[in-house]
Amino acid sequence: MKFLLTVLFASLVSTTSLATTNFQQGAGNSVNTNADETFKALIDACSDVSILGLRARARLEMNRSTDEGKQQIVELMDQGMAACGGGDIAKATEIMNEAIAVGKASVTENFGTDASAETPVKSEVTKATDEESGPPMIAIIIGLVIIVGIVVMLRRKKTDDDE
């Protein structure tokens, strides 16, 4: 009985602690429910899809950068969206690319590795050796011997039946 009460009490305490954790993480808040409105506001501010794509790349870099880098990226993104809203797509592209560059530099500073370096992805395709390319020779020979043996037995049986 004590064990059952202990388990119930432990589950009650863990459930309440999880609830505060979810609340602290912002689960269910208004930011999560108005994504459609946020996207519509972005489209209204700048309808050029390439600028929105650059903004998304800058936001990805911003999430991994230092606090100073985040502030600078936000300022550059605001300037880029304002330039795009004003119709100057070339300037907006330049500003957003600068925001991405600042983000990469900030990530490099934050983690100590060069974030701008792109390493080619090597495929894991290997050449099959002669042994792996087909069944082994011994299996082929054994298969042929079995087939020949079956054929010989059937012929002998047929000739025995005829006599």
N, C-alpha and C. Protein backbone atom coordinates (compact mmCIF):
# COMPACT_ATOMS: atom_id res chain seq x y z
N MET A 1 0.81 -1.19 0.00
CA MET A 1 0.00 0.00 0.00
C MET A 1 0.86 1.26 0.00
N LYS A 2 1.93 1.22 0.82
CA LYS A 2 2.84 2.37 0.86
C LYS A 2 3.50 2.59 -0.50
N PHE A 3 3.83 1.47 -1.16
CA PHE A 3 4.45 1.57 -2.48
C PHE A 3 3.50 2.24 -3.48
N LEU A 4 2.24 1.85 -3.44
CA LEU A 4 1.25 2.43 -4.34
C LEU A 4 1.09 3.93 -4.09
N LEU A 5 1.04 4.32 -2.82
CA LEU A 5 0.93 5.74 -2.49
C LEU A 5 2.18 6.51 -2.93
N THR A 6 3.33 5.90 -2.79
CA THR A 6 4.57 6.54 -3.20
C THR A 6 4.59 6.74 -4.71
N VAL A 7 4.15 5.74 -5.46
CA VAL A 7 4.11 5.85 -6.92
C VAL A 7 3.13 6.93 -7.35
N LEU A 8 1.95 6.96 -6.73
CA LEU A 8 0.96 7.99 -7.06
C LEU A 8 1.48 9.39 -6.75
N PHE A 9 2.12 9.55 -5.61
CA PHE A 9 2.67 10.85 -5.23
C PHE A 9 3.79 11.27 -6.20
N ALA A 10 4.64 10.32 -6.57
CA ALA A 10 5.74 10.64 -7.50
C ALA A 10 5.20 11.03 -8.86
N SER A 11 4.16 10.33 -9.33
CA SER A 11 3.59 10.69 -10.63
C SER A 11 2.90 12.04 -10.58
N LEU A 12 2.26 12.37 -9.46
CA LEU A 12 1.62 13.67 -9.31
C LEU A 12 2.65 14.79 -9.32
N VAL A 13 3.75 14.61 -8.61
CA VAL A 13 4.80 15.62 -8.56
C VAL A 13 5.45 15.78 -9.94
N SER A 14 5.73 14.67 -10.62
CA SER A 14 6.37 14.76 -11.94
C SER A 14 5.44 15.40 -12.96
N THR A 15 4.15 15.14 -12.87
CA THR A 15 3.20 15.74 -13.80
C THR A 15 3.12 17.24 -13.61
N THR A 16 3.12 17.69 -12.37
CA THR A 16 3.06 19.14 -12.15
C THR A 16 4.35 19.81 -12.57
N SER A 17 5.49 19.13 -12.41
CA SER A 17 6.75 19.73 -12.86
C SER A 17 6.82 19.79 -14.37
N LEU A 18 6.26 18.78 -15.06
CA LEU A 18 6.22 18.81 -16.52
C LEU A 18 5.33 19.93 -17.01
N ALA A 19 4.25 20.18 -16.30
CA ALA A 19 3.34 21.24 -16.72
C ALA A 19 4.03 22.59 -16.66
N THR A 20 4.82 22.83 -15.61
CA THR A 20 5.52 24.12 -15.54
C THR A 20 6.59 24.20 -16.61
N THR A 21 7.21 23.07 -16.93
CA THR A 21 8.22 23.07 -17.97
C THR A 21 7.59 23.41 -19.31
N ASN A 22 6.45 22.82 -19.64
CA ASN A 22 5.77 23.14 -20.88
C ASN A 22 5.37 24.60 -20.94
N PHE A 23 4.92 25.14 -19.81
CA PHE A 23 4.54 26.54 -19.78
C PHE A 23 5.76 27.43 -20.00
N GLN A 24 6.86 27.08 -19.38
CA GLN A 24 8.07 27.87 -19.53
C GLN A 24 8.59 27.79 -20.96
N GLN A 25 8.37 26.69 -21.64
CA GLN A 25 8.81 26.56 -23.02
C GLN A 25 7.89 27.29 -23.98
N GLY A 26 6.76 27.74 -23.53
CA GLY A 26 5.84 28.50 -24.37
C GLY A 26 4.89 27.63 -25.15
N ALA A 27 4.67 26.41 -24.70
CA ALA A 27 3.74 25.53 -25.41
C ALA A 27 2.34 26.09 -25.32
N GLY A 28 1.68 26.24 -26.43
CA GLY A 28 0.30 26.68 -26.46
C GLY A 28 0.12 28.19 -26.36
N ASN A 29 1.20 28.96 -26.43
CA ASN A 29 1.01 30.40 -26.33
C ASN A 29 0.59 30.98 -27.68
N SER A 30 0.35 32.26 -27.73
CA SER A 30 -0.19 32.88 -28.94
C SER A 30 0.81 32.87 -30.10
N VAL A 31 2.10 32.78 -29.80
CA VAL A 31 3.09 32.74 -30.88
C VAL A 31 2.91 31.47 -31.71
N ASN A 32 2.56 30.38 -31.06
CA ASN A 32 2.38 29.12 -31.78
C ASN A 32 1.07 29.08 -32.56
N THR A 33 0.09 29.87 -32.18
CA THR A 33 -1.22 29.77 -32.81
C THR A 33 -1.41 30.75 -33.96
N ASN A 34 -0.56 31.74 -34.11
CA ASN A 34 -0.78 32.73 -35.17
C ASN A 34 0.29 32.69 -36.25
N ALA A 35 0.76 31.52 -36.59
CA ALA A 35 1.79 31.39 -37.63
C ALA A 35 1.26 31.87 -38.98
N ASP A 36 0.00 31.58 -39.25
CA ASP A 36 -0.60 32.01 -40.52
C ASP A 36 -0.63 33.54 -40.60
N GLU A 37 -1.02 34.18 -39.50
CA GLU A 37 -1.06 35.65 -39.49
C GLU A 37 0.34 36.24 -39.63
N THR A 38 1.32 35.61 -38.98
CA THR A 38 2.69 36.10 -39.08
C THR A 38 3.19 35.99 -40.52
N PHE A 39 2.92 34.88 -41.18
CA PHE A 39 3.36 34.70 -42.56
C PHE A 39 2.65 35.70 -43.48
N LYS A 40 1.37 35.95 -43.26
CA LYS A 40 0.64 36.92 -44.07
C LYS A 40 1.22 38.32 -43.88
N ALA A 41 1.62 38.65 -42.65
CA ALA A 41 2.23 39.96 -42.39
C ALA A 41 3.56 40.08 -43.12
N LEU A 42 4.33 39.00 -43.17
CA LEU A 42 5.60 39.02 -43.89
C LEU A 42 5.36 39.21 -45.39
N ILE A 43 4.38 38.51 -45.93
CA ILE A 43 4.07 38.64 -47.36
C ILE A 43 3.58 40.07 -47.67
N ASP A 44 2.80 40.64 -46.76
CA ASP A 44 2.34 42.02 -46.97
C ASP A 44 3.50 43.00 -46.95
N ALA A 45 4.50 42.74 -46.08
CA ALA A 45 5.65 43.63 -45.99
C ALA A 45 6.55 43.48 -47.21
N CYS A 46 6.70 42.27 -47.73
CA CYS A 46 7.57 42.01 -48.87
C CYS A 46 7.07 40.77 -49.57
N SER A 47 6.64 40.91 -50.80
CA SER A 47 6.07 39.77 -51.51
C SER A 47 7.10 39.00 -52.33
N ASP A 48 8.37 39.42 -52.31
CA ASP A 48 9.41 38.73 -53.07
C ASP A 48 9.84 37.48 -52.30
N VAL A 49 9.65 36.34 -52.93
CA VAL A 49 9.93 35.07 -52.27
C VAL A 49 11.42 34.88 -52.00
N SER A 50 12.27 35.38 -52.87
CA SER A 50 13.71 35.21 -52.66
C SER A 50 14.17 35.96 -51.41
N ILE A 51 13.59 37.11 -51.15
CA ILE A 51 13.94 37.87 -49.94
C ILE A 51 13.45 37.12 -48.71
N LEU A 52 12.26 36.54 -48.79
CA LEU A 52 11.74 35.77 -47.66
C LEU A 52 12.62 34.54 -47.40
N GLY A 53 13.13 33.94 -48.47
CA GLY A 53 14.04 32.81 -48.31
C GLY A 53 15.35 33.23 -47.65
N LEU A 54 15.87 34.38 -48.06
CA LEU A 54 17.10 34.89 -47.43
C LEU A 54 16.85 35.24 -45.96
N ARG A 55 15.68 35.77 -45.69
CA ARG A 55 15.32 36.09 -44.30
C ARG A 55 15.29 34.81 -43.46
N ALA A 56 14.73 33.75 -44.02
CA ALA A 56 14.68 32.47 -43.30
C ALA A 56 16.10 31.94 -43.04
N ARG A 57 16.98 32.07 -44.03
CA ARG A 57 18.37 31.62 -43.82
C ARG A 57 19.05 32.45 -42.74
N ALA A 58 18.78 33.76 -42.73
CA ALA A 58 19.36 34.62 -41.70
C ALA A 58 18.83 34.24 -40.32
N ARG A 59 17.55 33.89 -40.24
CA ARG A 59 16.98 33.47 -38.95
C ARG A 59 17.60 32.17 -38.47
N LEU A 60 17.91 31.27 -39.39
CA LEU A 60 18.57 30.02 -39.00
C LEU A 60 19.94 30.30 -38.40
N GLU A 61 20.68 31.21 -39.02
CA GLU A 61 21.99 31.58 -38.49
C GLU A 61 21.83 32.31 -37.15
N MET A 62 20.79 33.09 -37.02
CA MET A 62 20.56 33.87 -35.82
C MET A 62 20.36 32.96 -34.61
N ASN A 63 19.70 31.84 -34.80
CA ASN A 63 19.41 30.95 -33.69
C ASN A 63 20.67 30.35 -33.07
N ARG A 64 21.76 30.30 -33.83
CA ARG A 64 23.00 29.71 -33.30
C ARG A 64 24.07 30.74 -32.97
N SER A 65 23.76 32.01 -33.16
CA SER A 65 24.79 33.04 -33.02
C SER A 65 24.83 33.61 -31.61
N THR A 66 25.79 34.50 -31.39
CA THR A 66 25.93 35.16 -30.11
C THR A 66 24.84 36.21 -29.93
N ASP A 67 24.72 36.76 -28.72
CA ASP A 67 23.69 37.76 -28.45
C ASP A 67 23.90 39.03 -29.28
N GLU A 68 25.15 39.46 -29.42
CA GLU A 68 25.43 40.64 -30.24
C GLU A 68 25.10 40.37 -31.70
N GLY A 69 25.44 39.17 -32.15
CA GLY A 69 25.14 38.78 -33.52
C GLY A 69 23.64 38.74 -33.78
N LYS A 70 22.88 38.25 -32.80
CA LYS A 70 21.43 38.20 -32.94
C LYS A 70 20.86 39.60 -33.12
N GLN A 71 21.32 40.54 -32.30
CA GLN A 71 20.82 41.91 -32.40
C GLN A 71 21.14 42.51 -33.77
N GLN A 72 22.35 42.29 -34.23
CA GLN A 72 22.76 42.84 -35.52
C GLN A 72 21.97 42.19 -36.67
N ILE A 73 21.73 40.89 -36.57
CA ILE A 73 20.97 40.20 -37.61
C ILE A 73 19.53 40.71 -37.65
N VAL A 74 18.93 40.91 -36.49
CA VAL A 74 17.55 41.42 -36.43
C VAL A 74 17.48 42.80 -37.08
N GLU A 75 18.45 43.66 -36.77
CA GLU A 75 18.47 45.00 -37.37
C GLU A 75 18.61 44.92 -38.89
N LEU A 76 19.51 44.06 -39.36
CA LEU A 76 19.69 43.92 -40.80
C LEU A 76 18.46 43.32 -41.47
N MET A 77 17.82 42.37 -40.83
CA MET A 77 16.60 41.79 -41.40
C MET A 77 15.50 42.84 -41.50
N ASP A 78 15.38 43.69 -40.46
CA ASP A 78 14.38 44.76 -40.50
C ASP A 78 14.67 45.73 -41.65
N GLN A 79 15.95 46.08 -41.81
CA GLN A 79 16.33 46.99 -42.89
C GLN A 79 16.06 46.34 -44.25
N GLY A 80 16.37 45.05 -44.37
CA GLY A 80 16.15 44.35 -45.63
C GLY A 80 14.68 44.26 -45.97
N MET A 81 13.84 43.97 -44.98
CA MET A 81 12.39 43.89 -45.24
C MET A 81 11.84 45.26 -45.59
N ALA A 82 12.38 46.32 -44.96
CA ALA A 82 11.93 47.68 -45.30
C ALA A 82 12.33 48.04 -46.73
N ALA A 83 13.54 47.65 -47.12
CA ALA A 83 13.99 47.93 -48.48
C ALA A 83 13.14 47.15 -49.49
N CYS A 84 12.82 45.92 -49.15
CA CYS A 84 11.98 45.11 -50.04
C CYS A 84 10.58 45.71 -50.14
N GLY A 85 10.04 46.15 -49.00
CA GLY A 85 8.72 46.78 -49.00
C GLY A 85 8.71 48.07 -49.82
N GLY A 86 9.86 48.75 -49.87
CA GLY A 86 9.98 49.96 -50.67
C GLY A 86 10.20 49.68 -52.14
N GLY A 87 10.39 48.42 -52.51
CA GLY A 87 10.54 48.05 -53.91
C GLY A 87 11.97 47.88 -54.37
N ASP A 88 12.95 48.11 -53.50
CA ASP A 88 14.36 47.98 -53.88
C ASP A 88 14.84 46.56 -53.55
N ILE A 89 14.59 45.63 -54.45
CA ILE A 89 14.90 44.22 -54.23
C ILE A 89 16.41 43.98 -54.19
N ALA A 90 17.15 44.69 -55.02
CA ALA A 90 18.61 44.50 -55.06
C ALA A 90 19.23 44.90 -53.72
N LYS A 91 18.81 46.01 -53.16
CA LYS A 91 19.34 46.45 -51.87
C LYS A 91 18.90 45.49 -50.77
N ALA A 92 17.66 45.03 -50.83
CA ALA A 92 17.16 44.09 -49.84
C ALA A 92 17.95 42.79 -49.88
N THR A 93 18.27 42.32 -51.08
CA THR A 93 19.07 41.11 -51.23
C THR A 93 20.45 41.30 -50.63
N GLU A 94 21.04 42.45 -50.90
CA GLU A 94 22.37 42.75 -50.36
C GLU A 94 22.34 42.78 -48.84
N ILE A 95 21.33 43.40 -48.26
CA ILE A 95 21.23 43.51 -46.81
C ILE A 95 20.99 42.14 -46.18
N MET A 96 20.13 41.34 -46.80
CA MET A 96 19.86 40.00 -46.25
C MET A 96 21.09 39.11 -46.35
N ASN A 97 21.84 39.21 -47.44
CA ASN A 97 23.08 38.45 -47.56
C ASN A 97 24.09 38.89 -46.51
N GLU A 98 24.11 40.18 -46.22
CA GLU A 98 24.98 40.69 -45.15
C GLU A 98 24.55 40.12 -43.80
N ALA A 99 23.24 40.02 -43.57
CA ALA A 99 22.74 39.44 -42.33
C ALA A 99 23.18 37.98 -42.20
N ILE A 100 23.12 37.26 -43.31
CA ILE A 100 23.56 35.86 -43.30
C ILE A 100 25.05 35.78 -43.00
N ALA A 101 25.84 36.66 -43.61
CA ALA A 101 27.29 36.68 -43.37
C ALA A 101 27.61 37.01 -41.91
N VAL A 102 26.88 37.97 -41.35
CA VAL A 102 27.07 38.32 -39.94
C VAL A 102 26.71 37.11 -39.07
N GLY A 103 25.64 36.42 -39.45
CA GLY A 103 25.24 35.24 -38.69
C GLY A 103 26.29 34.16 -38.74
N LYS A 104 26.86 33.90 -39.91
CA LYS A 104 27.89 32.87 -40.02
C LYS A 104 29.13 33.25 -39.21
N ALA A 105 29.49 34.52 -39.26
CA ALA A 105 30.65 34.98 -38.48
C ALA A 105 30.36 34.83 -36.99
N SER A 106 29.14 35.13 -36.60
CA SER A 106 28.76 35.03 -35.20
C SER A 106 28.72 33.57 -34.74
N VAL A 107 28.27 32.69 -35.61
CA VAL A 107 28.27 31.26 -35.28
C VAL A 107 29.70 30.76 -35.13
N THR A 108 30.57 31.23 -36.01
CA THR A 108 31.98 30.86 -35.92
C THR A 108 32.55 31.33 -34.58
N GLU A 109 32.21 32.53 -34.19
CA GLU A 109 32.68 33.07 -32.91
C GLU A 109 32.08 32.28 -31.75
N ASN A 110 30.82 31.92 -31.87
CA ASN A 110 30.12 31.24 -30.78
C ASN A 110 30.62 29.82 -30.57
N PHE A 111 30.86 29.09 -31.66
CA PHE A 111 31.22 27.69 -31.54
C PHE A 111 32.68 27.39 -31.84
N GLY A 112 33.40 28.36 -32.38
CA GLY A 112 34.82 28.16 -32.63
C GLY A 112 35.13 27.39 -33.90
N THR A 113 34.14 27.16 -34.74
CA THR A 113 34.37 26.50 -36.02
C THR A 113 33.90 27.41 -37.13
N ASP A 114 34.45 27.22 -38.30
CA ASP A 114 34.10 28.07 -39.43
C ASP A 114 32.76 27.61 -40.00
N ALA A 115 31.72 28.41 -39.78
CA ALA A 115 30.37 28.05 -40.23
C ALA A 115 30.20 28.26 -41.72
N SER A 116 31.08 29.05 -42.33
CA SER A 116 30.92 29.31 -43.76
C SER A 116 31.56 28.23 -44.62
N ALA A 117 32.38 27.38 -44.01
CA ALA A 117 33.04 26.33 -44.78
C ALA A 117 32.02 25.28 -45.16
N GLU A 118 32.00 24.95 -46.42
CA GLU A 118 31.10 23.93 -46.89
C GLU A 118 31.92 22.72 -47.29
N THR A 119 31.70 21.63 -46.59
CA THR A 119 32.42 20.40 -46.92
C THR A 119 31.54 19.56 -47.82
N PRO A 120 32.11 19.03 -48.88
CA PRO A 120 31.30 18.20 -49.78
C PRO A 120 30.89 16.92 -49.09
N VAL A 121 29.70 16.49 -49.37
CA VAL A 121 29.19 15.26 -48.80
C VAL A 121 29.68 14.11 -49.66
N LYS A 122 30.34 13.18 -49.02
CA LYS A 122 30.86 12.02 -49.74
C LYS A 122 29.85 10.89 -49.64
N SER A 123 29.57 10.30 -50.77
CA SER A 123 28.62 9.19 -50.76
C SER A 123 29.33 7.94 -50.29
N GLU A 124 28.58 7.07 -49.73
CA GLU A 124 29.12 5.84 -49.17
C GLU A 124 29.09 4.69 -50.18
N VAL A 125 29.07 5.01 -51.47
CA VAL A 125 29.03 3.97 -52.49
C VAL A 125 30.41 3.36 -52.62
N THR A 126 30.47 2.08 -52.51
CA THR A 126 31.75 1.38 -52.64
C THR A 126 31.64 0.40 -53.80
N LYS A 127 32.78 0.11 -54.40
CA LYS A 127 32.79 -0.87 -55.48
C LYS A 127 32.62 -2.26 -54.91
N ALA A 128 31.80 -3.02 -55.57
CA ALA A 128 31.60 -4.39 -55.14
C ALA A 128 32.77 -5.23 -55.65
N THR A 129 33.30 -6.03 -54.78
CA THR A 129 34.40 -6.90 -55.19
C THR A 129 33.83 -8.04 -56.03
N ASP A 130 34.72 -8.79 -56.64
CA ASP A 130 34.28 -9.89 -57.49
C ASP A 130 33.46 -10.91 -56.69
N GLU A 131 33.83 -11.13 -55.44
CA GLU A 131 33.11 -12.09 -54.61
C GLU A 131 31.72 -11.59 -54.29
N GLU A 132 31.55 -10.28 -54.11
CA GLU A 132 30.26 -9.73 -53.73
C GLU A 132 29.36 -9.49 -54.94
N SER A 133 29.91 -9.50 -56.13
CA SER A 133 29.13 -9.16 -57.31
C SER A 133 28.15 -10.26 -57.71
N GLY A 134 28.35 -11.46 -57.31
CA GLY A 134 27.46 -12.55 -57.67
C GLY A 134 27.59 -13.67 -56.65
N PRO A 135 26.83 -14.75 -56.87
CA PRO A 135 26.93 -15.87 -55.93
C PRO A 135 28.30 -16.54 -56.07
N PRO A 136 28.80 -17.12 -55.02
CA PRO A 136 30.11 -17.76 -55.09
C PRO A 136 30.07 -18.96 -56.05
N MET A 137 31.20 -19.26 -56.62
CA MET A 137 31.31 -20.31 -57.63
C MET A 137 30.90 -21.67 -57.07
N ILE A 138 31.22 -21.95 -55.83
CA ILE A 138 30.88 -23.25 -55.23
C ILE A 138 29.37 -23.44 -55.17
N ALA A 139 28.61 -22.37 -54.92
CA ALA A 139 27.15 -22.49 -54.87
C ALA A 139 26.60 -22.81 -56.25
N ILE A 140 27.18 -22.26 -57.29
CA ILE A 140 26.73 -22.54 -58.65
C ILE A 140 27.00 -23.99 -59.01
N ILE A 141 28.19 -24.48 -58.64
CA ILE A 141 28.55 -25.87 -58.95
C ILE A 141 27.63 -26.83 -58.21
N ILE A 142 27.37 -26.59 -56.94
CA ILE A 142 26.50 -27.46 -56.15
C ILE A 142 25.09 -27.47 -56.74
N GLY A 143 24.60 -26.29 -57.15
CA GLY A 143 23.28 -26.21 -57.76
C GLY A 143 23.20 -27.02 -59.04
N LEU A 144 24.22 -26.93 -59.88
CA LEU A 144 24.25 -27.70 -61.13
C LEU A 144 24.30 -29.20 -60.86
N VAL A 145 25.08 -29.63 -59.88
CA VAL A 145 25.17 -31.06 -59.54
C VAL A 145 23.82 -31.57 -59.07
N ILE A 146 23.12 -30.78 -58.28
CA ILE A 146 21.80 -31.21 -57.80
C ILE A 146 20.81 -31.33 -58.95
N ILE A 147 20.82 -30.36 -59.87
CA ILE A 147 19.92 -30.40 -61.03
C ILE A 147 20.23 -31.60 -61.92
N VAL A 148 21.50 -31.83 -62.19
CA VAL A 148 21.89 -32.98 -63.01
C VAL A 148 21.49 -34.28 -62.32
N GLY A 149 21.67 -34.34 -61.00
CA GLY A 149 21.28 -35.53 -60.26
C GLY A 149 19.79 -35.79 -60.35
N ILE A 150 18.98 -34.76 -60.25
CA ILE A 150 17.53 -34.91 -60.35
C ILE A 150 17.14 -35.40 -61.75
N VAL A 151 17.75 -34.81 -62.77
CA VAL A 151 17.45 -35.22 -64.15
C VAL A 151 17.83 -36.69 -64.36
N VAL A 152 18.99 -37.11 -63.89
CA VAL A 152 19.44 -38.50 -64.04
C VAL A 152 18.49 -39.44 -63.31
N MET A 153 18.07 -39.08 -62.11
CA MET A 153 17.15 -39.94 -61.35
C MET A 153 15.81 -40.07 -62.06
N LEU A 154 15.32 -38.96 -62.64
CA LEU A 154 14.04 -39.01 -63.35
C LEU A 154 14.14 -39.89 -64.59
N ARG A 155 15.24 -39.83 -65.30
CA ARG A 155 15.42 -40.66 -66.51
C ARG A 155 15.51 -42.13 -66.12
N ARG A 156 16.24 -42.43 -65.05
CA ARG A 156 16.35 -43.83 -64.62
C ARG A 156 14.98 -44.37 -64.21
N LYS A 157 14.24 -43.50 -63.49
CA LYS A 157 12.91 -43.93 -63.05
C LYS A 157 12.02 -44.18 -64.27
N LYS A 158 12.13 -43.32 -65.30
CA LYS A 158 11.32 -43.46 -66.50
C LYS A 158 11.69 -44.72 -67.26
N THR A 159 12.98 -45.02 -67.33
CA THR A 159 13.40 -46.23 -68.04
C THR A 159 13.02 -47.47 -67.26
N ASP A 160 13.02 -47.41 -65.93
CA ASP A 160 12.60 -48.55 -65.10
C ASP A 160 11.10 -48.79 -65.27
N ASP A 161 10.32 -47.73 -65.39
CA ASP A 161 8.89 -47.86 -65.56
C ASP A 161 8.53 -48.44 -66.92
N ASP A 162 9.32 -48.15 -67.94
CA ASP A 162 9.07 -48.63 -69.29
C ASP A 162 9.34 -50.13 -69.41
N GLU A 163 10.22 -50.68 -68.62
CA GLU A 163 10.57 -52.10 -68.72
C GLU A 163 9.61 -52.94 -68.05
